[in-house]
Amino acid sequence: MTRFLTSAAIVALCVLTPVLRPAAQQQFRGRTDIVSVYATVMDANGRLVPGLTAADFEVRDNGKKQQIEFFSNDQQPITVVLMLDRSGSMADNFVLVQDAADQFVRKLTDDDRARIGSFSRDIIISPADFTNSQAQLSGILKHGLQSVGPSPVWTAIDRSITALLDQSGRRVVLVFTDGHDDPGPGQVSTDLKDVIRRATYDEVMVYTIGLANSDDMLSAYSLHNVIGQASLGRGTRQKTVKPDPGLRRLAELTGGGYFQLDWGQDLGATFARVADELHRQYWLAFRPGKLDGEVHRLDIRVTRRDLIARARRSYAAAER
């Protein structure tokens, strides 16, 4: 009888312990009393680290250590808006950017879904619904992007978040830009703080790739924006202008990654790196002490030495 009771207790414990089967994951996603966090872990050399377990992580909510209720190191599907800058300062390298973005598309799995966006005189996101068709997405990159125009960076990211609101699971915005927000006449101007607030409350991860440019190109863009000049030359390179630091801040606060490049670097490799990161993140979840409607500070750490975890810095403790 004792042996029977012990065996029964073990079976009951196994039933109550979160498991990683697809059905259990699907049931877990629908819960409103659980906070999900996706973490990217790297070593001191910036290499992605696989094979960790729940015991390797520590989660703190407003400084208080939390019990990890759920953990998975399986590849999780993503729903992503890939948003591309089509401003004048990018004009000479539109084809280069399209080809690099296509490397990201080629790494999407059958379970991933995506839409392609571009911002210029309008903010356009295609197709009408999220899709896993690489052929359709590649076709949009080749034939469906806008021509030269203004640069409403923050509004474009804000619209990308809106496009993701009715999607479930892990929601991501990947934006490529030279990082200088400059809406045209009549365009909506959005504040970075509002974008950060939305990404926090709506739990959207933002990856940003910022391109360092030369001040002569930015001046040429401004001239185009004012007088509608049709042709923009690269001119003589002068001082390098770094992307807006808000791009890094937005990525860090939402758990995404920030990459700063110049035209001499391999853009395609960076887009491919983002896809690899997204497919190798750890999924952790905990039950918050209370849903008080406030924004809570999150701290995700790896207990192993010399490993760094990157995840979102806060969450809104509210019923959903």
C-alpha atoms as a PDB file:
ATOM      1  CA  MET A   1       0.000   0.000   0.000  1.00  0.00           C
ATOM      2  CA  THR A   2       2.843   2.379   0.840  1.00  0.00           C
ATOM      3  CA  ARG A   3       4.464   1.679  -2.500  1.00  0.00           C
ATOM      4  CA  PHE A   4       1.147   2.263  -4.230  1.00  0.00           C
ATOM      5  CA  LEU A   5       0.601   5.625  -2.505  1.00  0.00           C
ATOM      6  CA  THR A   6       4.148   6.735  -3.306  1.00  0.00           C
ATOM      7  CA  SER A   7       3.698   5.862  -6.963  1.00  0.00           C
ATOM      8  CA  ALA A   8       0.364   7.667  -7.049  1.00  0.00           C
ATOM      9  CA  ALA A   9       1.924  10.770  -5.537  1.00  0.00           C
ATOM     10  CA  ILE A  10       4.667  10.776  -8.170  1.00  0.00           C
ATOM     11  CA  VAL A  11       2.098  10.424 -10.943  1.00  0.00           C
ATOM     12  CA  ALA A  12       0.057  13.304  -9.489  1.00  0.00           C
ATOM     13  CA  LEU A  13       3.138  15.491  -9.282  1.00  0.00           C
ATOM     14  CA  CYS A  14       3.960  14.788 -12.912  1.00  0.00           C
ATOM     15  CA  VAL A  15       0.404  15.722 -13.928  1.00  0.00           C
ATOM     16  CA  LEU A  16       0.569  19.024 -12.048  1.00  0.00           C
ATOM     17  CA  THR A  17       4.034  19.985 -13.365  1.00  0.00           C
ATOM     18  CA  PRO A  18       3.988  22.129 -16.556  1.00  0.00           C
ATOM     19  CA  VAL A  19       5.027  20.057 -19.566  1.00  0.00           C
ATOM     20  CA  LEU A  20       6.241  21.109 -22.973  1.00  0.00           C
ATOM     21  CA  ARG A  21       3.858  19.208 -25.242  1.00  0.00           C
ATOM     22  CA  PRO A  22       2.172  21.405 -27.897  1.00  0.00           C
ATOM     23  CA  ALA A  23      -1.306  20.953 -26.373  1.00  0.00           C
ATOM     24  CA  ALA A  24      -0.066  22.087 -22.962  1.00  0.00           C
ATOM     25  CA  GLN A  25       1.690  25.068 -24.502  1.00  0.00           C
ATOM     26  CA  GLN A  26      -1.466  26.080 -26.345  1.00  0.00           C
ATOM     27  CA  GLN A  27      -3.491  25.907 -23.129  1.00  0.00           C
ATOM     28  CA  PHE A  28      -0.854  27.888 -21.288  1.00  0.00           C
ATOM     29  CA  ARG A  29      -0.893  30.717 -23.853  1.00  0.00           C
ATOM     30  CA  GLY A  30      -4.504  31.525 -23.033  1.00  0.00           C
ATOM     31  CA  ARG A  31      -3.914  32.224 -19.340  1.00  0.00           C
ATOM     32  CA  THR A  32      -4.139  35.800 -18.094  1.00  0.00           C
ATOM     33  CA  ASP A  33      -2.520  35.266 -14.684  1.00  0.00           C
ATOM     34  CA  ILE A  34       0.887  34.326 -16.110  1.00  0.00           C
ATOM     35  CA  VAL A  35       3.646  36.659 -17.359  1.00  0.00           C
ATOM     36  CA  SER A  36       5.635  35.334 -20.327  1.00  0.00           C
ATOM     37  CA  VAL A  37       9.201  36.462 -20.953  1.00  0.00           C
ATOM     38  CA  TYR A  38      11.420  35.586 -23.910  1.00  0.00           C
ATOM     39  CA  ALA A  39      15.148  35.728 -23.253  1.00  0.00           C
ATOM     40  CA  THR A  40      18.197  35.710 -25.519  1.00  0.00           C
ATOM     41  CA  VAL A  41      21.326  34.365 -23.830  1.00  0.00           C
ATOM     42  CA  MET A  42      24.854  35.096 -25.049  1.00  0.00           C
ATOM     43  CA  ASP A  43      28.362  34.408 -23.834  1.00  0.00           C
ATOM     44  CA  ALA A  44      31.101  37.004 -23.390  1.00  0.00           C
ATOM     45  CA  ASN A  45      31.902  36.805 -27.116  1.00  0.00           C
ATOM     46  CA  GLY A  46      28.348  37.469 -28.203  1.00  0.00           C
ATOM     47  CA  ARG A  47      27.617  33.887 -29.226  1.00  0.00           C
ATOM     48  CA  LEU A  48      24.134  32.477 -28.638  1.00  0.00           C
ATOM     49  CA  VAL A  49      24.039  29.909 -25.821  1.00  0.00           C
ATOM     50  CA  PRO A  50      21.727  26.866 -26.215  1.00  0.00           C
ATOM     51  CA  GLY A  51      20.910  24.047 -23.833  1.00  0.00           C
ATOM     52  CA  LEU A  52      20.112  25.937 -20.628  1.00  0.00           C
ATOM     53  CA  THR A  53      17.440  24.790 -18.165  1.00  0.00           C
ATOM     54  CA  ALA A  54      15.038  26.611 -15.848  1.00  0.00           C
ATOM     55  CA  ALA A  55      17.537  26.154 -13.013  1.00  0.00           C
ATOM     56  CA  ASP A  56      19.979  28.403 -14.893  1.00  0.00           C
ATOM     57  CA  PHE A  57      17.626  31.413 -14.743  1.00  0.00           C
ATOM     58  CA  GLU A  58      16.539  33.845 -12.060  1.00  0.00           C
ATOM     59  CA  VAL A  59      13.457  36.060 -12.469  1.00  0.00           C
ATOM     60  CA  ARG A  60      12.798  39.104 -10.293  1.00  0.00           C
ATOM     61  CA  ASP A  61       9.619  41.190 -10.301  1.00  0.00           C
ATOM     62  CA  ASN A  62      10.202  44.627  -8.733  1.00  0.00           C
ATOM     63  CA  GLY A  63      13.274  43.131  -7.088  1.00  0.00           C
ATOM     64  CA  LYS A  64      11.473  40.086  -5.653  1.00  0.00           C
ATOM     65  CA  LYS A  65      12.577  36.653  -6.827  1.00  0.00           C
ATOM     66  CA  GLN A  66       9.834  34.683  -8.581  1.00  0.00           C
ATOM     67  CA  GLN A  67       9.228  30.995  -9.084  1.00  0.00           C
ATOM     68  CA  ILE A  68       9.443  29.999 -12.738  1.00  0.00           C
ATOM     69  CA  GLU A  69       6.115  28.304 -13.485  1.00  0.00           C
ATOM     70  CA  PHE A  70       6.885  27.396 -17.079  1.00  0.00           C
ATOM     71  CA  PHE A  71      10.057  26.985 -19.126  1.00  0.00           C
ATOM     72  CA  SER A  72      10.849  25.916 -22.667  1.00  0.00           C
ATOM     73  CA  ASN A  73      13.977  25.946 -24.775  1.00  0.00           C
ATOM     74  CA  ASP A  74      12.108  24.681 -27.836  1.00  0.00           C
ATOM     75  CA  GLN A  75      11.907  26.876 -30.916  1.00  0.00           C
ATOM     76  CA  GLN A  76       8.839  29.104 -30.625  1.00  0.00           C
ATOM     77  CA  PRO A  77       6.986  30.575 -33.649  1.00  0.00           C
ATOM     78  CA  ILE A  78       7.061  34.322 -34.226  1.00  0.00           C
ATOM     79  CA  THR A  79       4.677  36.831 -35.767  1.00  0.00           C
ATOM     80  CA  VAL A  80       6.714  39.721 -37.140  1.00  0.00           C
ATOM     81  CA  VAL A  81       6.382  43.015 -38.993  1.00  0.00           C
ATOM     82  CA  LEU A  82       9.549  43.799 -40.957  1.00  0.00           C
ATOM     83  CA  MET A  83       9.563  47.596 -41.383  1.00  0.00           C
ATOM     84  CA  LEU A  84      11.995  49.263 -43.814  1.00  0.00           C
ATOM     85  CA  ASP A  85      13.064  52.899 -44.121  1.00  0.00           C
ATOM     86  CA  ARG A  86      12.563  54.348 -47.620  1.00  0.00           C
ATOM     87  CA  SER A  87      13.727  57.877 -46.900  1.00  0.00           C
ATOM     88  CA  GLY A  88      16.015  59.816 -49.232  1.00  0.00           C
ATOM     89  CA  SER A  89      19.115  59.153 -47.147  1.00  0.00           C
ATOM     90  CA  MET A  90      18.661  55.431 -47.882  1.00  0.00           C
ATOM     91  CA  ALA A  91      17.885  55.803 -51.595  1.00  0.00           C
ATOM     92  CA  ASP A  92      21.215  54.786 -53.090  1.00  0.00           C
ATOM     93  CA  ASN A  93      21.082  51.429 -51.324  1.00  0.00           C
ATOM     94  CA  PHE A  94      17.456  50.372 -51.595  1.00  0.00           C
ATOM     95  CA  VAL A  95      18.370  47.195 -53.515  1.00  0.00           C
ATOM     96  CA  LEU A  96      21.027  46.291 -50.956  1.00  0.00           C
ATOM     97  CA  VAL A  97      18.500  46.609 -48.131  1.00  0.00           C
ATOM     98  CA  GLN A  98      15.887  44.567 -50.016  1.00  0.00           C
ATOM     99  CA  ASP A  99      18.359  41.740 -50.579  1.00  0.00           C
ATOM    100  CA  ALA A 100      19.429  41.800 -46.920  1.00  0.00           C
ATOM    101  CA  ALA A 101      15.817  41.735 -45.709  1.00  0.00           C
ATOM    102  CA  ASP A 102      15.167  38.793 -47.999  1.00  0.00           C
ATOM    103  CA  GLN A 103      17.756  36.803 -46.027  1.00  0.00           C
ATOM    104  CA  PHE A 104      15.581  37.294 -42.949  1.00  0.00           C
ATOM    105  CA  VAL A 105      12.506  36.127 -44.861  1.00  0.00           C
ATOM    106  CA  ARG A 106      14.348  33.010 -46.078  1.00  0.00           C
ATOM    107  CA  LYS A 107      15.003  31.988 -42.468  1.00  0.00           C
ATOM    108  CA  LEU A 108      11.343  32.078 -41.438  1.00  0.00           C
ATOM    109  CA  THR A 109       9.843  28.676 -40.665  1.00  0.00           C
ATOM    110  CA  ASP A 110       6.475  27.248 -41.657  1.00  0.00           C
ATOM    111  CA  ASP A 111       5.149  28.168 -38.198  1.00  0.00           C
ATOM    112  CA  ASP A 112       6.274  31.809 -38.428  1.00  0.00           C
ATOM    113  CA  ARG A 113       4.119  34.533 -39.961  1.00  0.00           C
ATOM    114  CA  ALA A 114       5.154  37.930 -41.275  1.00  0.00           C
ATOM    115  CA  ARG A 115       4.182  41.114 -43.066  1.00  0.00           C
ATOM    116  CA  ILE A 116       6.487  43.584 -44.842  1.00  0.00           C
ATOM    117  CA  GLY A 117       6.242  47.319 -44.159  1.00  0.00           C
ATOM    118  CA  SER A 118       7.865  50.417 -45.555  1.00  0.00           C
ATOM    119  CA  PHE A 119       7.685  54.048 -44.511  1.00  0.00           C
ATOM    120  CA  SER A 120       8.075  57.098 -46.697  1.00  0.00           C
ATOM    121  CA  ARG A 121       5.221  59.372 -47.744  1.00  0.00           C
ATOM    122  CA  ASP A 122       2.906  56.670 -46.411  1.00  0.00           C
ATOM    123  CA  ILE A 123       3.250  53.773 -43.993  1.00  0.00           C
ATOM    124  CA  ILE A 124       2.300  50.612 -45.855  1.00  0.00           C
ATOM    125  CA  ILE A 125       2.225  47.073 -44.431  1.00  0.00           C
ATOM    126  CA  SER A 126       1.607  44.147 -46.805  1.00  0.00           C
ATOM    127  CA  PRO A 127      -0.006  41.710 -47.407  1.00  0.00           C
ATOM    128  CA  ALA A 128      -3.395  42.267 -45.800  1.00  0.00           C
ATOM    129  CA  ASP A 129      -2.905  39.300 -43.438  1.00  0.00           C
ATOM    130  CA  PHE A 130       0.161  37.704 -41.869  1.00  0.00           C
ATOM    131  CA  THR A 131       1.562  34.890 -43.987  1.00  0.00           C
ATOM    132  CA  ASN A 132       4.226  32.181 -43.914  1.00  0.00           C
ATOM    133  CA  SER A 133       4.707  32.315 -47.694  1.00  0.00           C
ATOM    134  CA  GLN A 134       8.331  33.224 -48.334  1.00  0.00           C
ATOM    135  CA  ALA A 135       7.587  33.690 -52.028  1.00  0.00           C
ATOM    136  CA  GLN A 136       4.864  36.244 -51.307  1.00  0.00           C
ATOM    137  CA  LEU A 137       7.032  38.141 -48.811  1.00  0.00           C
ATOM    138  CA  SER A 138      10.026  38.165 -51.151  1.00  0.00           C
ATOM    139  CA  GLY A 139       7.791  39.471 -53.918  1.00  0.00           C
ATOM    140  CA  ILE A 140       6.724  42.395 -51.716  1.00  0.00           C
ATOM    141  CA  LEU A 141      10.377  43.204 -51.005  1.00  0.00           C
ATOM    142  CA  LYS A 142      11.123  43.280 -54.737  1.00  0.00           C
ATOM    143  CA  HIS A 143       8.043  45.029 -56.057  1.00  0.00           C
ATOM    144  CA  GLY A 144       5.892  46.357 -53.197  1.00  0.00           C
ATOM    145  CA  LEU A 145       8.012  48.959 -51.412  1.00  0.00           C
ATOM    146  CA  GLN A 146       7.643  52.726 -51.680  1.00  0.00           C
ATOM    147  CA  SER A 147       9.890  55.212 -53.433  1.00  0.00           C
ATOM    148  CA  VAL A 148      11.842  58.044 -51.792  1.00  0.00           C
ATOM    149  CA  GLY A 149      10.085  60.186 -49.202  1.00  0.00           C
ATOM    150  CA  PRO A 150      10.098  61.425 -45.581  1.00  0.00           C
ATOM    151  CA  SER A 151      11.185  59.421 -42.536  1.00  0.00           C
ATOM    152  CA  PRO A 152       8.442  59.012 -39.881  1.00  0.00           C
ATOM    153  CA  VAL A 153      10.401  56.383 -37.911  1.00  0.00           C
ATOM    154  CA  TRP A 154       8.474  56.344 -34.622  1.00  0.00           C
ATOM    155  CA  THR A 155       5.057  56.466 -36.281  1.00  0.00           C
ATOM    156  CA  ALA A 156       6.051  53.531 -38.497  1.00  0.00           C
ATOM    157  CA  ILE A 157       7.004  51.449 -35.459  1.00  0.00           C
ATOM    158  CA  ASP A 158       3.788  52.495 -33.704  1.00  0.00           C
ATOM    159  CA  ARG A 159       1.728  51.330 -36.706  1.00  0.00           C
ATOM    160  CA  SER A 160       3.663  48.054 -36.738  1.00  0.00           C
ATOM    161  CA  ILE A 161       2.654  47.449 -33.114  1.00  0.00           C
ATOM    162  CA  THR A 162      -0.972  48.146 -34.045  1.00  0.00           C
ATOM    163  CA  ALA A 163      -0.770  45.559 -36.835  1.00  0.00           C
ATOM    164  CA  LEU A 164       0.280  42.933 -34.273  1.00  0.00           C
ATOM    165  CA  LEU A 165      -2.405  43.569 -31.650  1.00  0.00           C
ATOM    166  CA  ASP A 166      -4.832  40.866 -32.753  1.00  0.00           C
ATOM    167  CA  GLN A 167      -2.074  38.255 -33.039  1.00  0.00           C
ATOM    168  CA  SER A 168      -1.278  35.728 -30.309  1.00  0.00           C
ATOM    169  CA  GLY A 169       2.062  34.342 -29.157  1.00  0.00           C
ATOM    170  CA  ARG A 170       5.393  36.097 -29.600  1.00  0.00           C
ATOM    171  CA  ARG A 171       4.985  39.408 -31.439  1.00  0.00           C
ATOM    172  CA  VAL A 172       7.985  41.175 -32.964  1.00  0.00           C
ATOM    173  CA  VAL A 173       8.779  44.337 -34.895  1.00  0.00           C
ATOM    174  CA  LEU A 174      12.049  44.424 -36.835  1.00  0.00           C
ATOM    175  CA  VAL A 175      12.871  47.888 -38.172  1.00  0.00           C
ATOM    176  CA  PHE A 176      15.773  48.945 -40.385  1.00  0.00           C
ATOM    177  CA  THR A 177      16.506  52.670 -40.567  1.00  0.00           C
ATOM    178  CA  ASP A 178      19.198  55.325 -40.447  1.00  0.00           C
ATOM    179  CA  GLY A 179      17.311  56.337 -37.327  1.00  0.00           C
ATOM    180  CA  HIS A 180      16.455  59.978 -37.930  1.00  0.00           C
ATOM    181  CA  ASP A 181      12.785  60.672 -37.343  1.00  0.00           C
ATOM    182  CA  ASP A 182      11.698  63.375 -39.798  1.00  0.00           C
ATOM    183  CA  PRO A 183       8.007  63.211 -40.812  1.00  0.00           C
ATOM    184  CA  GLY A 184       6.951  65.094 -43.891  1.00  0.00           C
ATOM    185  CA  PRO A 185       4.348  67.864 -44.111  1.00  0.00           C
ATOM    186  CA  GLY A 186       0.973  66.605 -42.947  1.00  0.00           C
ATOM    187  CA  GLN A 187       2.332  63.364 -41.489  1.00  0.00           C
ATOM    188  CA  VAL A 188       1.635  62.333 -37.909  1.00  0.00           C
ATOM    189  CA  SER A 189       4.504  62.943 -35.493  1.00  0.00           C
ATOM    190  CA  THR A 190       4.845  60.259 -32.801  1.00  0.00           C
ATOM    191  CA  ASP A 191       6.947  60.559 -29.651  1.00  0.00           C
ATOM    192  CA  LEU A 192       9.409  57.784 -28.811  1.00  0.00           C
ATOM    193  CA  LYS A 193       8.065  57.665 -25.236  1.00  0.00           C
ATOM    194  CA  ASP A 194       4.625  56.770 -26.558  1.00  0.00           C
ATOM    195  CA  VAL A 195       6.082  53.962 -28.677  1.00  0.00           C
ATOM    196  CA  ILE A 196       7.949  52.550 -25.663  1.00  0.00           C
ATOM    197  CA  ARG A 197       4.788  52.743 -23.559  1.00  0.00           C
ATOM    198  CA  ARG A 198       2.751  50.889 -26.186  1.00  0.00           C
ATOM    199  CA  ALA A 199       5.366  48.187 -26.690  1.00  0.00           C
ATOM    200  CA  THR A 200       5.465  47.653 -22.911  1.00  0.00           C
ATOM    201  CA  TYR A 201       1.697  47.387 -22.402  1.00  0.00           C
ATOM    202  CA  ASP A 202       1.082  45.381 -25.576  1.00  0.00           C
ATOM    203  CA  GLU A 203       4.095  43.090 -24.995  1.00  0.00           C
ATOM    204  CA  VAL A 204       5.732  43.574 -28.380  1.00  0.00           C
ATOM    205  CA  MET A 205       9.451  42.911 -28.797  1.00  0.00           C
ATOM    206  CA  VAL A 206      11.258  45.442 -31.012  1.00  0.00           C
ATOM    207  CA  TYR A 207      14.498  44.717 -32.851  1.00  0.00           C
ATOM    208  CA  THR A 208      16.245  47.714 -34.419  1.00  0.00           C
ATOM    209  CA  ILE A 209      19.003  47.867 -37.020  1.00  0.00           C
ATOM    210  CA  GLY A 210      20.412  51.400 -37.148  1.00  0.00           C
ATOM    211  CA  LEU A 211      22.508  52.589 -40.050  1.00  0.00           C
ATOM    212  CA  ALA A 212      25.224  55.194 -39.549  1.00  0.00           C
ATOM    213  CA  ASN A 213      25.117  57.704 -42.407  1.00  0.00           C
ATOM    214  CA  SER A 214      26.979  60.783 -43.555  1.00  0.00           C
ATOM    215  CA  ASP A 215      25.732  64.278 -42.890  1.00  0.00           C
ATOM    216  CA  ASP A 216      25.803  65.143 -46.588  1.00  0.00           C
ATOM    217  CA  MET A 217      23.249  62.393 -47.263  1.00  0.00           C
ATOM    218  CA  LEU A 218      20.989  63.631 -44.497  1.00  0.00           C
ATOM    219  CA  SER A 219      21.209  67.172 -45.850  1.00  0.00           C
ATOM    220  CA  ALA A 220      20.355  65.886 -49.310  1.00  0.00           C
ATOM    221  CA  TYR A 221      17.318  64.127 -47.873  1.00  0.00           C
ATOM    222  CA  SER A 222      16.142  67.309 -46.144  1.00  0.00           C
ATOM    223  CA  LEU A 223      16.426  69.179 -49.447  1.00  0.00           C
ATOM    224  CA  HIS A 224      14.372  66.471 -51.149  1.00  0.00           C
ATOM    225  CA  ASN A 225      11.735  66.653 -48.431  1.00  0.00           C
ATOM    226  CA  VAL A 226      11.368  70.416 -48.791  1.00  0.00           C
ATOM    227  CA  ILE A 227      11.444  70.978 -52.554  1.00  0.00           C
ATOM    228  CA  GLY A 228      10.573  67.532 -53.929  1.00  0.00           C
ATOM    229  CA  GLN A 229      13.847  67.074 -55.792  1.00  0.00           C
ATOM    230  CA  ALA A 230      13.618  63.819 -57.731  1.00  0.00           C
ATOM    231  CA  SER A 231      17.255  62.764 -57.743  1.00  0.00           C
ATOM    232  CA  LEU A 232      19.541  62.418 -54.756  1.00  0.00           C
ATOM    233  CA  GLY A 233      23.289  62.030 -55.169  1.00  0.00           C
ATOM    234  CA  ARG A 234      25.573  60.650 -52.497  1.00  0.00           C
ATOM    235  CA  GLY A 235      27.926  63.607 -52.825  1.00  0.00           C
ATOM    236  CA  THR A 236      31.143  63.892 -50.849  1.00  0.00           C
ATOM    237  CA  ARG A 237      31.177  61.999 -47.561  1.00  0.00           C
ATOM    238  CA  GLN A 238      31.727  64.128 -44.530  1.00  0.00           C
ATOM    239  CA  LYS A 239      31.000  63.564 -40.856  1.00  0.00           C
ATOM    240  CA  THR A 240      29.366  60.246 -39.907  1.00  0.00           C
ATOM    241  CA  VAL A 241      26.011  60.663 -38.197  1.00  0.00           C
ATOM    242  CA  LYS A 242      25.027  57.830 -35.876  1.00  0.00           C
ATOM    243  CA  PRO A 243      21.437  56.562 -35.681  1.00  0.00           C
ATOM    244  CA  ASP A 244      19.099  58.013 -33.071  1.00  0.00           C
ATOM    245  CA  PRO A 245      20.004  56.531 -29.641  1.00  0.00           C
ATOM    246  CA  GLY A 246      16.288  55.956 -29.145  1.00  0.00           C
ATOM    247  CA  LEU A 247      16.592  52.887 -31.373  1.00  0.00           C
ATOM    248  CA  ARG A 248      18.897  51.192 -28.884  1.00  0.00           C
ATOM    249  CA  ARG A 249      16.737  52.249 -25.944  1.00  0.00           C
ATOM    250  CA  LEU A 250      13.560  50.886 -27.532  1.00  0.00           C
ATOM    251  CA  ALA A 251      15.198  47.545 -28.293  1.00  0.00           C
ATOM    252  CA  GLU A 252      16.728  47.154 -24.839  1.00  0.00           C
ATOM    253  CA  LEU A 253      13.525  47.972 -22.960  1.00  0.00           C
ATOM    254  CA  THR A 254      11.399  45.559 -24.997  1.00  0.00           C
ATOM    255  CA  GLY A 255      13.871  42.655 -24.980  1.00  0.00           C
ATOM    256  CA  GLY A 256      14.870  42.953 -28.623  1.00  0.00           C
ATOM    257  CA  GLY A 257      18.345  43.497 -30.021  1.00  0.00           C
ATOM    258  CA  TYR A 258      20.058  46.586 -31.403  1.00  0.00           C
ATOM    259  CA  PHE A 259      22.623  46.479 -34.204  1.00  0.00           C
ATOM    260  CA  GLN A 260      24.491  49.539 -35.505  1.00  0.00           C
ATOM    261  CA  LEU A 261      26.038  49.246 -38.951  1.00  0.00           C
ATOM    262  CA  ASP A 262      27.508  51.311 -41.736  1.00  0.00           C
ATOM    263  CA  TRP A 263      27.289  50.678 -45.459  1.00  0.00           C
ATOM    264  CA  GLY A 264      30.593  48.799 -45.453  1.00  0.00           C
ATOM    265  CA  GLN A 265      29.233  46.003 -43.259  1.00  0.00           C
ATOM    266  CA  ASP A 266      27.253  42.916 -44.211  1.00  0.00           C
ATOM    267  CA  LEU A 267      23.595  43.862 -43.830  1.00  0.00           C
ATOM    268  CA  GLY A 268      22.365  40.433 -44.852  1.00  0.00           C
ATOM    269  CA  ALA A 269      24.347  38.729 -42.086  1.00  0.00           C
ATOM    270  CA  THR A 270      22.737  41.024 -39.512  1.00  0.00           C
ATOM    271  CA  PHE A 271      19.207  40.292 -40.713  1.00  0.00           C
ATOM    272  CA  ALA A 272      20.030  36.567 -40.624  1.00  0.00           C
ATOM    273  CA  ARG A 273      21.436  36.970 -37.087  1.00  0.00           C
ATOM    274  CA  VAL A 274      18.131  38.469 -35.915  1.00  0.00           C
ATOM    275  CA  ALA A 275      16.248  35.469 -37.315  1.00  0.00           C
ATOM    276  CA  ASP A 276      18.634  33.091 -35.537  1.00  0.00           C
ATOM    277  CA  GLU A 277      18.169  34.920 -32.227  1.00  0.00           C
ATOM    278  CA  LEU A 278      14.394  34.819 -32.485  1.00  0.00           C
ATOM    279  CA  HIS A 279      14.464  31.087 -33.140  1.00  0.00           C
ATOM    280  CA  ARG A 280      16.778  30.365 -30.205  1.00  0.00           C
ATOM    281  CA  GLN A 281      15.202  32.333 -27.378  1.00  0.00           C
ATOM    282  CA  TYR A 282      14.142  30.819 -24.056  1.00  0.00           C
ATOM    283  CA  TRP A 283      10.531  31.045 -22.969  1.00  0.00           C
ATOM    284  CA  LEU A 284       9.998  31.587 -19.236  1.00  0.00           C
ATOM    285  CA  ALA A 285       6.835  32.413 -17.326  1.00  0.00           C
ATOM    286  CA  PHE A 286       5.874  33.234 -13.755  1.00  0.00           C
ATOM    287  CA  ARG A 287       2.737  34.045 -11.816  1.00  0.00           C
ATOM    288  CA  PRO A 288       2.809  37.663 -10.523  1.00  0.00           C
ATOM    289  CA  GLY A 289       1.987  38.317  -6.871  1.00  0.00           C
ATOM    290  CA  LYS A 290      -0.814  40.673  -7.871  1.00  0.00           C
ATOM    291  CA  LEU A 291      -2.312  42.303 -10.920  1.00  0.00           C
ATOM    292  CA  ASP A 292      -2.314  45.890  -9.682  1.00  0.00           C
ATOM    293  CA  GLY A 293      -2.425  47.636 -13.043  1.00  0.00           C
ATOM    294  CA  GLU A 294       1.046  49.089 -12.522  1.00  0.00           C
ATOM    295  CA  VAL A 295       4.186  48.723 -14.634  1.00  0.00           C
ATOM    296  CA  HIS A 296       6.562  46.343 -12.858  1.00  0.00           C
ATOM    297  CA  ARG A 297      10.328  46.198 -13.267  1.00  0.00           C
ATOM    298  CA  LEU A 298      11.619  42.876 -14.630  1.00  0.00           C
ATOM    299  CA  ASP A 299      15.104  41.484 -14.166  1.00  0.00           C
ATOM    300  CA  ILE A 300      16.043  38.222 -15.914  1.00  0.00           C
ATOM    301  CA  ARG A 301      19.458  36.793 -15.084  1.00  0.00           C
ATOM    302  CA  VAL A 302      21.442  33.658 -15.866  1.00  0.00           C
ATOM    303  CA  THR A 303      23.070  32.133 -12.819  1.00  0.00           C
ATOM    304  CA  ARG A 304      25.978  30.723 -14.826  1.00  0.00           C
ATOM    305  CA  ARG A 305      29.078  32.879 -14.856  1.00  0.00           C
ATOM    306  CA  ASP A 306      29.915  34.991 -17.946  1.00  0.00           C
ATOM    307  CA  LEU A 307      26.494  34.535 -19.557  1.00  0.00           C
ATOM    308  CA  ILE A 308      24.176  37.459 -20.248  1.00  0.00           C
ATOM    309  CA  ALA A 309      20.398  37.278 -20.643  1.00  0.00           C
ATOM    310  CA  ARG A 310      18.577  39.911 -22.673  1.00  0.00           C
ATOM    311  CA  ALA A 311      14.837  40.245 -22.077  1.00  0.00           C
ATOM    312  CA  ARG A 312      12.209  42.928 -21.643  1.00  0.00           C
ATOM    313  CA  ARG A 313      12.749  45.229 -18.677  1.00  0.00           C
ATOM    314  CA  SER A 314       9.139  45.659 -17.539  1.00  0.00           C
ATOM    315  CA  TYR A 315       5.556  44.484 -17.890  1.00  0.00           C
ATOM    316  CA  ALA A 316       2.102  45.849 -17.154  1.00  0.00           C
ATOM    317  CA  ALA A 317       0.538  43.838 -14.311  1.00  0.00           C
ATOM    318  CA  ALA A 318      -3.023  44.007 -15.589  1.00  0.00           C
ATOM    319  CA  GLU A 319      -5.816  41.587 -16.518  1.00  0.00           C
ATOM    320  CA  ARG A 320      -5.905  40.830 -20.236  1.00  0.00           C
END
